Each structure stands twice: as C-alpha cells, then as structure tokens.
Amino acid sequence: MKNNLSEIFTTLLLILIAVLLLNPFDFWMPDMMVVGMLVLTLVLFGIFASFILREKTVDERDAVHETLAGRNAFLAGSALLILGIVVEGYTHTVDPWLVVSLVVMIVAKIATRIWSDKNR
C-alpha cells in the first residue's frame, strides 16, 4: 500500500468500526445498528483487501518490503491467536474459531510457499 489517502482512510475506518464492534464503552447498540456495522465492516474489508491485491512490486526493494510486511502480519496474527488459545486453555473453554483461524493461516502460508517454490 502506497501512501494513498483513500487507502489510509479506509484502513483507519476499518480499525475504528472493528473496535466499536467490541463495544468498548458499553454502548447499548440496537440490533439494526450492529447489523449495519457488520455490513460496513465487510465492505471496508473488501476494499482493504482490494488495495492489498492491487499492489505491484516495481523493484527488489518493493518485493522485500512486501515480503517483510506479510511475514510480520502473519507472525502478529498467529501470535495473537496462540495467546488467545493459551489464555482460554486455562479456563478449559478454547473457542474453536481461534484454532480454526490459526490452522487456516498456517495452511495458507505453507501452501503458498510450496506453490511459489514450485513455480519459480
């Protein structure tokens, strides 16, 4: 993602809506508002994903930056999921979504690596 104002705005709006869905200030939200926020979250994530999919590498430095960003995002996401699994493991109520998300991330990472190594 280059420093495009629409990309930065979309990313910040997506983060804001995601945090508000956690209801951090104990707002009472009517069902229609929650549904609207969920739809807005899906739309914003679709736009955000299109920014990522549109990225083009121009030279070797861009490729290194793209790889580093992907690696750091994978490590941050998987570390957070592992932390959630461990914390919930102490209460013996591990949410299956945490485990499924972690497994999907790992399988996607390995499958992409195998595919890219095979198609070099």
Protein backbone atom coordinates (compact mmCIF):
# COMPACT_ATOMS: atom_id res chain seq x y z
CA MET A 1 0.00 0.00 0.00
CA LYS A 2 1.44 3.30 -1.05
CA ASN A 3 0.65 6.47 0.88
CA ASN A 4 -2.67 6.95 -0.86
CA LEU A 5 -5.15 8.98 1.19
CA SER A 6 -8.10 6.70 0.35
CA GLU A 7 -6.16 3.61 1.45
CA ILE A 8 -5.15 5.20 4.75
CA PHE A 9 -8.71 6.47 5.37
CA THR A 10 -10.24 3.06 4.59
CA THR A 11 -7.76 1.29 6.88
CA LEU A 12 -8.39 3.66 9.79
CA LEU A 13 -12.16 3.43 9.30
CA LEU A 14 -11.97 -0.38 9.25
CA ILE A 15 -9.99 -0.38 12.50
CA LEU A 16 -12.43 2.06 14.12
CA ILE A 17 -15.51 0.01 13.15
CA ALA A 18 -13.85 -3.23 14.30
CA VAL A 19 -13.05 -1.70 17.71
CA LEU A 20 -16.57 -0.28 18.03
CA LEU A 21 -17.99 -3.76 17.36
CA LEU A 22 -16.28 -4.86 20.59
CA ASN A 23 -18.50 -2.32 22.39
CA PRO A 24 -15.62 -0.89 24.47
CA PHE A 25 -17.68 1.87 26.08
CA ASP A 26 -20.64 -0.39 26.92
CA PHE A 27 -22.93 1.33 24.46
CA TRP A 28 -26.25 -0.31 24.09
CA MET A 29 -26.49 -0.89 20.37
CA PRO A 30 -29.75 -1.79 18.70
CA ASP A 31 -29.68 -4.89 16.53
CA MET A 32 -30.06 -2.85 13.34
CA MET A 33 -27.03 -0.73 14.24
CA VAL A 34 -24.93 -3.85 14.87
CA VAL A 35 -26.06 -5.37 11.58
CA GLY A 36 -25.25 -2.13 9.78
CA MET A 37 -21.80 -2.01 11.37
CA LEU A 38 -21.17 -5.63 10.39
CA VAL A 39 -22.12 -4.88 6.78
CA LEU A 40 -19.89 -1.80 6.83
CA THR A 41 -17.05 -3.92 8.23
CA LEU A 42 -17.41 -6.44 5.40
CA VAL A 43 -17.49 -3.70 2.77
CA LEU A 44 -14.45 -1.92 4.24
CA PHE A 45 -12.53 -5.19 4.49
CA GLY A 46 -13.33 -5.92 0.84
CA ILE A 47 -11.98 -2.50 -0.14
CA PHE A 48 -8.90 -3.02 2.06
CA ALA A 49 -8.28 -6.46 0.51
CA SER A 50 -8.55 -4.93 -2.98
CA PHE A 51 -5.77 -2.48 -2.04
CA ILE A 52 -3.55 -5.37 -0.99
CA LEU A 53 -4.35 -7.43 -4.08
CA ARG A 54 -3.61 -4.46 -6.37
CA GLU A 55 -0.09 -3.99 -5.01
CA LYS A 56 2.58 -4.26 -7.68
CA THR A 57 6.27 -4.68 -6.99
CA VAL A 58 8.44 -2.34 -9.02
CA ASP A 59 11.89 -3.47 -7.94
CA GLU A 60 13.69 -5.71 -5.46
CA ARG A 61 13.20 -3.29 -2.59
CA ASP A 62 9.43 -3.34 -3.08
CA ALA A 63 9.50 -7.14 -3.09
CA VAL A 64 11.48 -7.19 0.16
CA HIS A 65 9.11 -4.69 1.81
CA GLU A 66 6.07 -6.68 0.66
CA THR A 67 7.58 -9.91 1.98
CA LEU A 68 8.52 -8.31 5.29
CA ALA A 69 5.03 -6.85 5.73
CA GLY A 70 3.44 -10.24 5.01
CA ARG A 71 5.78 -12.04 7.38
CA ASN A 72 5.21 -9.55 10.20
CA ALA A 73 1.43 -9.65 9.69
CA PHE A 74 1.47 -13.46 9.79
CA LEU A 75 3.59 -13.54 12.95
CA ALA A 76 1.48 -10.89 14.71
CA GLY A 77 -1.79 -12.63 13.81
CA SER A 78 -0.60 -16.10 14.73
CA ALA A 79 0.99 -14.89 17.99
CA LEU A 80 -2.29 -13.25 18.98
CA LEU A 81 -4.24 -16.41 18.16
CA ILE A 82 -1.79 -18.55 20.15
CA LEU A 83 -2.10 -16.15 23.08
CA GLY A 84 -5.90 -16.41 22.88
CA ILE A 85 -5.72 -20.21 22.75
CA VAL A 86 -3.39 -20.34 25.77
CA VAL A 87 -5.44 -17.87 27.84
CA GLU A 88 -8.70 -19.66 27.04
CA GLY A 89 -6.99 -23.00 27.60
CA TYR A 90 -6.55 -22.12 31.27
CA THR A 91 -10.32 -21.81 31.60
CA HIS A 92 -10.85 -25.02 29.57
CA THR A 93 -13.06 -23.16 27.07
CA VAL A 94 -10.98 -22.74 23.92
CA ASP A 95 -13.04 -21.05 21.23
CA PRO A 96 -12.93 -23.21 18.07
CA TRP A 97 -12.68 -20.07 15.91
CA LEU A 98 -9.25 -19.33 17.37
CA VAL A 99 -7.96 -22.78 16.45
CA VAL A 100 -9.59 -22.80 13.02
CA SER A 101 -8.20 -19.33 12.23
CA LEU A 102 -4.69 -20.37 13.25
CA VAL A 103 -4.85 -23.57 11.22
CA VAL A 104 -6.15 -21.71 8.13
CA MET A 105 -3.33 -19.16 8.43
CA ILE A 106 -0.70 -21.88 8.72
CA VAL A 107 -2.11 -23.96 5.85
CA ALA A 108 -2.37 -20.88 3.61
CA LYS A 109 1.22 -19.90 4.44
CA ILE A 110 2.62 -23.37 3.73
CA ALA A 111 0.51 -23.89 0.60
CA THR A 112 1.55 -20.52 -0.83
CA ARG A 113 5.20 -21.24 -0.07
CA ILE A 114 5.04 -24.67 -1.75
CA TRP A 115 3.24 -23.20 -4.77
CA SER A 116 5.69 -20.33 -5.15
CA ASP A 117 8.73 -22.60 -4.78
CA LYS A 118 7.29 -24.96 -7.39
CA ASN A 119 6.52 -22.16 -9.88
CA ARG A 120 9.80 -20.26 -9.78
